[in-house]
Amino acid sequence: MLRDHFHPPLKGRRHWEAFHSGWATNLAAELNRILPPHWFAEPSVHYGIQVAPDVATWEAADDSGESVSAAFPSWTPEAPTMTLDIALTTDIVQVDVFNGEAGPVLAGAIELVSPSNKDRRESRDAFVSKCESFLREAIGLVVIDIVTDRHANLHNELLNRLGETSASSRGLYACAYHPTSRDEHTVLDLWHHPLSIGGTLPTLPLSLKNGPRVPIDLAKSYAQTCEQLRLNDASFLPANS
């Protein structure tokens, strides 16, 4: 059953970052067990992403593997015609699924929402923009939000970005999105499941671009991660368990 990783008793005794990282790893491992040949999944986890300052030299490795400063050919462009503030997706916790026959080519993604993804308007916009770009490229997507200490709803914001202004999802959720064509129209199929602390997690379809549709058993991978990280202590379970 779903635990609250962002409030006591788990908060202060366990790190949610470790759980998200472990869950992404287990989701990728389960996908690699069931994906057909030439397809593969990889976890991608980065916290606190930052852009390096603008510098004239860059670090490279010589033949021995030692880091050295390499001078780039001296060239300075004209001053920018415009400079804008831009927000990055500061945390990335996702599983990427690739078709290895032609690339590899990204065909599907599972996004685990972090607190910073739901925090400031700029951070939410960056996360929603990434999800929107997946869908507009016909890449299958699953978004999982178990963050209880931020209350923005990224599912609603994503649907609003896509033109669906009546979206009214509340609370925690897991949702699968499948861009497809039907009756000569491009449509987006959704499987939206509200989540609750103490409740169970669903199995969702991940529809891979130009590939199969595979089941994502959230309950199985979640339980496996809890066991690996020793979160099955009775004091960590919801009060109604």
Protein backbone atom coordinates (compact mmCIF):
# COMPACT_ATOMS: atom_id res chain seq x y z
CA MET A 1 0.00 0.00 0.00
CA LEU A 2 1.10 3.56 -0.67
CA ARG A 3 3.07 5.27 2.12
CA ASP A 4 3.55 9.00 2.70
CA HIS A 5 7.22 9.61 1.90
CA PHE A 6 7.04 13.35 2.60
CA HIS A 7 5.64 13.53 6.15
CA PRO A 8 6.47 11.75 9.44
CA PRO A 9 7.00 8.99 10.32
CA LEU A 10 8.92 8.40 7.06
CA LYS A 11 10.15 11.98 6.70
CA GLY A 12 13.19 12.49 8.86
CA ARG A 13 13.95 8.76 8.96
CA ARG A 14 14.20 8.00 5.26
CA HIS A 15 15.08 10.02 2.15
CA TRP A 16 12.43 10.30 -0.55
CA GLU A 17 15.21 10.75 -3.14
CA ALA A 18 16.52 7.28 -2.37
CA PHE A 19 13.05 5.80 -2.76
CA HIS A 20 12.40 7.55 -6.08
CA SER A 21 15.79 6.42 -7.39
CA GLY A 22 15.19 2.84 -6.30
CA TRP A 23 11.67 2.80 -7.73
CA ALA A 24 12.90 4.06 -11.11
CA THR A 25 15.58 1.35 -11.12
CA ASN A 26 13.04 -1.39 -10.33
CA LEU A 27 10.60 -0.11 -12.97
CA ALA A 28 13.38 -0.25 -15.57
CA ALA A 29 14.42 -3.74 -14.47
CA GLU A 30 10.86 -5.04 -14.74
CA LEU A 31 10.48 -3.51 -18.21
CA ASN A 32 13.72 -5.13 -19.36
CA ARG A 33 12.32 -8.45 -18.20
CA ILE A 34 9.21 -8.21 -20.39
CA LEU A 35 10.25 -6.04 -23.36
CA PRO A 36 10.79 -7.81 -26.71
CA PRO A 37 14.28 -8.12 -28.21
CA HIS A 38 16.00 -4.88 -29.30
CA TRP A 39 13.97 -2.85 -26.81
CA PHE A 40 15.42 -1.71 -23.49
CA ALA A 41 14.71 0.57 -20.52
CA GLU A 42 17.09 2.78 -18.56
CA PRO A 43 16.52 4.78 -15.36
CA SER A 44 17.59 8.43 -15.50
CA VAL A 45 17.82 10.21 -12.14
CA HIS A 46 19.24 13.68 -11.57
CA TYR A 47 18.58 16.03 -8.66
CA GLY A 48 19.31 19.77 -8.56
CA ILE A 49 20.25 20.16 -12.22
CA GLN A 50 22.16 23.34 -12.94
CA VAL A 51 23.60 25.00 -16.03
CA ALA A 52 27.35 25.57 -15.90
CA PRO A 53 28.47 29.22 -16.04
CA ASP A 54 29.61 30.62 -19.35
CA VAL A 55 33.37 29.95 -19.57
CA ALA A 56 36.03 30.12 -22.28
CA THR A 57 37.63 26.74 -21.45
CA TRP A 58 36.20 23.33 -20.88
CA GLU A 59 37.34 20.22 -19.07
CA ALA A 60 38.40 17.24 -21.17
CA ALA A 61 40.15 13.97 -20.43
CA ASP A 62 43.53 13.06 -21.94
CA ASP A 63 44.53 9.54 -23.00
CA SER A 64 45.33 8.61 -19.41
CA GLY A 65 41.88 9.67 -18.23
CA GLU A 66 43.20 12.68 -16.34
CA SER A 67 41.11 15.86 -16.48
CA VAL A 68 42.75 18.70 -18.38
CA SER A 69 41.65 22.21 -19.38
CA ALA A 70 41.19 22.38 -23.13
CA ALA A 71 41.20 25.76 -24.85
CA PHE A 72 38.40 25.96 -27.38
CA PRO A 73 39.26 27.77 -30.62
CA SER A 74 39.11 31.47 -29.85
CA TRP A 75 35.87 32.90 -31.20
CA THR A 76 33.47 35.32 -29.60
CA PRO A 77 29.97 35.83 -31.04
CA GLU A 78 28.18 39.13 -31.14
CA ALA A 79 26.20 40.16 -28.08
CA PRO A 80 22.90 38.25 -27.78
CA THR A 81 19.89 39.91 -29.37
CA MET A 82 17.88 38.97 -26.28
CA THR A 83 18.44 37.36 -22.86
CA LEU A 84 15.57 35.77 -20.93
CA ASP A 85 15.19 34.03 -17.59
CA ILE A 86 14.47 30.34 -18.08
CA ALA A 87 13.56 27.63 -15.59
CA LEU A 88 15.06 24.16 -15.81
CA THR A 89 13.46 20.89 -14.84
CA THR A 90 15.63 20.79 -11.73
CA ASP A 91 14.83 17.18 -10.78
CA ILE A 92 14.55 14.36 -13.31
CA VAL A 93 13.41 10.95 -12.10
CA GLN A 94 12.30 8.95 -15.10
CA VAL A 95 12.56 5.66 -16.92
CA ASP A 96 13.25 5.88 -20.65
CA VAL A 97 12.31 3.05 -23.01
CA PHE A 98 14.20 2.80 -26.28
CA ASN A 99 13.81 0.96 -29.56
CA GLY A 100 17.35 -0.29 -30.12
CA GLU A 101 16.84 -1.41 -33.72
CA ALA A 102 17.20 2.07 -35.19
CA GLY A 103 19.14 4.16 -32.83
CA PRO A 104 18.39 3.87 -29.99
CA VAL A 105 15.18 5.87 -30.39
CA LEU A 106 13.11 7.03 -27.41
CA ALA A 107 9.69 5.37 -27.52
CA GLY A 108 8.27 5.75 -23.99
CA ALA A 109 8.88 7.43 -20.66
CA ILE A 110 7.78 7.03 -17.03
CA GLU A 111 7.99 10.22 -14.95
CA LEU A 112 8.13 10.16 -11.15
CA VAL A 113 7.13 13.63 -9.92
CA SER A 114 9.41 15.27 -7.33
CA PRO A 115 8.54 18.10 -4.91
CA SER A 116 10.52 20.65 -6.92
CA ASN A 117 8.56 19.72 -10.07
CA LYS A 118 5.39 20.91 -8.27
CA ASP A 119 6.90 23.90 -6.49
CA ARG A 120 7.22 27.21 -8.37
CA ARG A 121 5.21 28.11 -11.46
CA GLU A 122 8.40 28.11 -13.52
CA SER A 123 9.31 24.59 -12.37
CA ARG A 124 5.82 23.29 -13.12
CA ASP A 125 5.91 24.84 -16.59
CA ALA A 126 9.27 23.17 -17.30
CA PHE A 127 7.96 19.75 -16.26
CA VAL A 128 4.72 20.15 -18.23
CA SER A 129 6.67 21.31 -21.30
CA LYS A 130 8.80 18.16 -21.18
CA CYS A 131 5.70 15.94 -20.94
CA GLU A 132 3.99 17.87 -23.73
CA SER A 133 7.00 17.40 -26.01
CA PHE A 134 6.85 13.63 -25.44
CA LEU A 135 3.18 13.48 -26.37
CA ARG A 136 3.51 15.70 -29.44
CA GLU A 137 6.22 13.34 -30.68
CA ALA A 138 3.85 10.36 -30.14
CA ILE A 139 5.98 9.00 -27.28
CA GLY A 140 4.02 7.01 -24.72
CA LEU A 141 4.04 8.49 -21.23
CA VAL A 142 3.22 7.52 -17.65
CA VAL A 143 3.27 10.14 -14.86
CA ILE A 144 3.21 9.13 -11.18
CA ASP A 145 2.66 11.71 -8.46
CA ILE A 146 2.94 10.56 -4.83
CA VAL A 147 4.25 13.92 -3.52
CA THR A 148 2.10 14.96 -0.54
CA ASP A 149 3.87 18.16 0.55
CA ARG A 150 3.07 20.11 -2.63
CA HIS A 151 -0.48 20.47 -3.92
CA ALA A 152 -0.20 21.59 -7.54
CA ASN A 153 -1.66 19.13 -10.04
CA LEU A 154 0.62 18.65 -13.04
CA HIS A 155 -1.93 16.43 -14.81
CA ASN A 156 -4.40 19.31 -14.91
CA GLU A 157 -1.70 21.69 -16.11
CA LEU A 158 -0.65 19.28 -18.85
CA LEU A 159 -4.21 18.88 -20.11
CA ASN A 160 -4.69 22.65 -19.98
CA ARG A 161 -1.57 23.02 -22.10
CA LEU A 162 -3.09 20.59 -24.60
CA GLY A 163 -6.33 22.59 -24.75
CA GLU A 164 -8.52 20.63 -22.31
CA THR A 165 -9.65 23.37 -19.94
CA SER A 166 -12.16 21.25 -18.00
CA ALA A 167 -9.51 19.09 -16.29
CA SER A 168 -10.27 18.86 -12.58
CA SER A 169 -8.09 16.09 -11.14
CA ARG A 170 -7.21 16.48 -7.46
CA GLY A 171 -4.68 14.91 -5.15
CA LEU A 172 -2.24 12.13 -5.94
CA TYR A 173 -2.52 10.13 -9.15
CA ALA A 174 -0.92 7.90 -11.73
CA CYS A 175 -1.82 8.43 -15.37
CA ALA A 176 -0.87 6.84 -18.69
CA TYR A 177 -1.04 8.89 -21.90
CA HIS A 178 -1.16 7.36 -25.37
CA PRO A 179 -1.03 9.59 -28.48
CA THR A 180 -2.61 7.67 -31.36
CA SER A 181 -4.63 7.99 -34.54
CA ARG A 182 -8.27 6.97 -34.81
CA ASP A 183 -10.75 7.65 -37.62
CA GLU A 184 -8.16 9.84 -39.34
CA HIS A 185 -7.85 12.00 -36.22
CA THR A 186 -4.96 12.27 -33.80
CA VAL A 187 -6.22 11.62 -30.27
CA LEU A 188 -4.81 11.18 -26.79
CA ASP A 189 -6.03 8.20 -24.76
CA LEU A 190 -5.66 8.51 -20.98
CA TRP A 191 -5.84 6.06 -18.08
CA HIS A 192 -6.07 8.22 -14.96
CA HIS A 193 -6.10 6.63 -11.50
CA PRO A 194 -6.43 8.69 -8.28
CA LEU A 195 -4.06 7.51 -5.54
CA SER A 196 -4.42 7.72 -1.77
CA ILE A 197 -2.14 7.04 1.16
CA GLY A 198 -2.93 3.53 2.36
CA GLY A 199 -4.45 2.61 -1.00
CA THR A 200 -3.21 0.28 -3.71
CA LEU A 201 -1.41 1.21 -6.91
CA PRO A 202 -2.71 0.28 -10.38
CA THR A 203 -1.24 -1.43 -13.40
CA LEU A 204 -1.01 1.07 -16.27
CA PRO A 205 -0.35 0.63 -19.99
CA LEU A 206 2.82 2.17 -21.44
CA SER A 207 2.20 2.50 -25.18
CA LEU A 208 5.55 2.57 -26.95
CA LYS A 209 5.93 4.58 -30.15
CA ASN A 210 5.94 2.18 -33.13
CA GLY A 211 6.03 -0.67 -30.66
CA PRO A 212 4.04 -2.77 -28.23
CA ARG A 213 1.91 -1.74 -25.27
CA VAL A 214 3.40 -3.08 -22.04
CA PRO A 215 1.93 -3.27 -18.49
CA ILE A 216 3.49 -1.16 -15.75
CA ASP A 217 2.70 -2.95 -12.48
CA LEU A 218 3.18 -0.07 -10.04
CA ALA A 219 2.16 -2.12 -7.00
CA LYS A 220 4.79 -4.80 -7.68
CA SER A 221 7.70 -2.40 -8.25
CA TYR A 222 6.63 -0.19 -5.32
CA ALA A 223 6.47 -3.13 -2.93
CA GLN A 224 9.84 -4.40 -4.15
CA THR A 225 11.42 -0.99 -3.54
CA CYS A 226 9.91 -0.76 -0.05
CA GLU A 227 11.35 -4.17 0.80
CA GLN A 228 14.80 -3.35 -0.56
CA LEU A 229 14.94 -0.08 1.41
CA ARG A 230 13.50 -1.62 4.61
CA LEU A 231 10.32 0.42 4.62
CA ASN A 232 8.09 -2.43 5.76
CA ASP A 233 8.46 -1.58 9.43
CA ALA A 234 4.98 -1.27 10.96
CA SER A 235 5.71 2.29 12.07
CA PHE A 236 6.05 3.34 8.42
CA LEU A 237 2.68 1.96 7.35
CA PRO A 238 -0.43 4.14 7.09
CA ALA A 239 -2.63 4.20 10.19
CA ASN A 240 -5.47 2.37 8.44
CA SER A 241 -3.30 -0.59 7.39
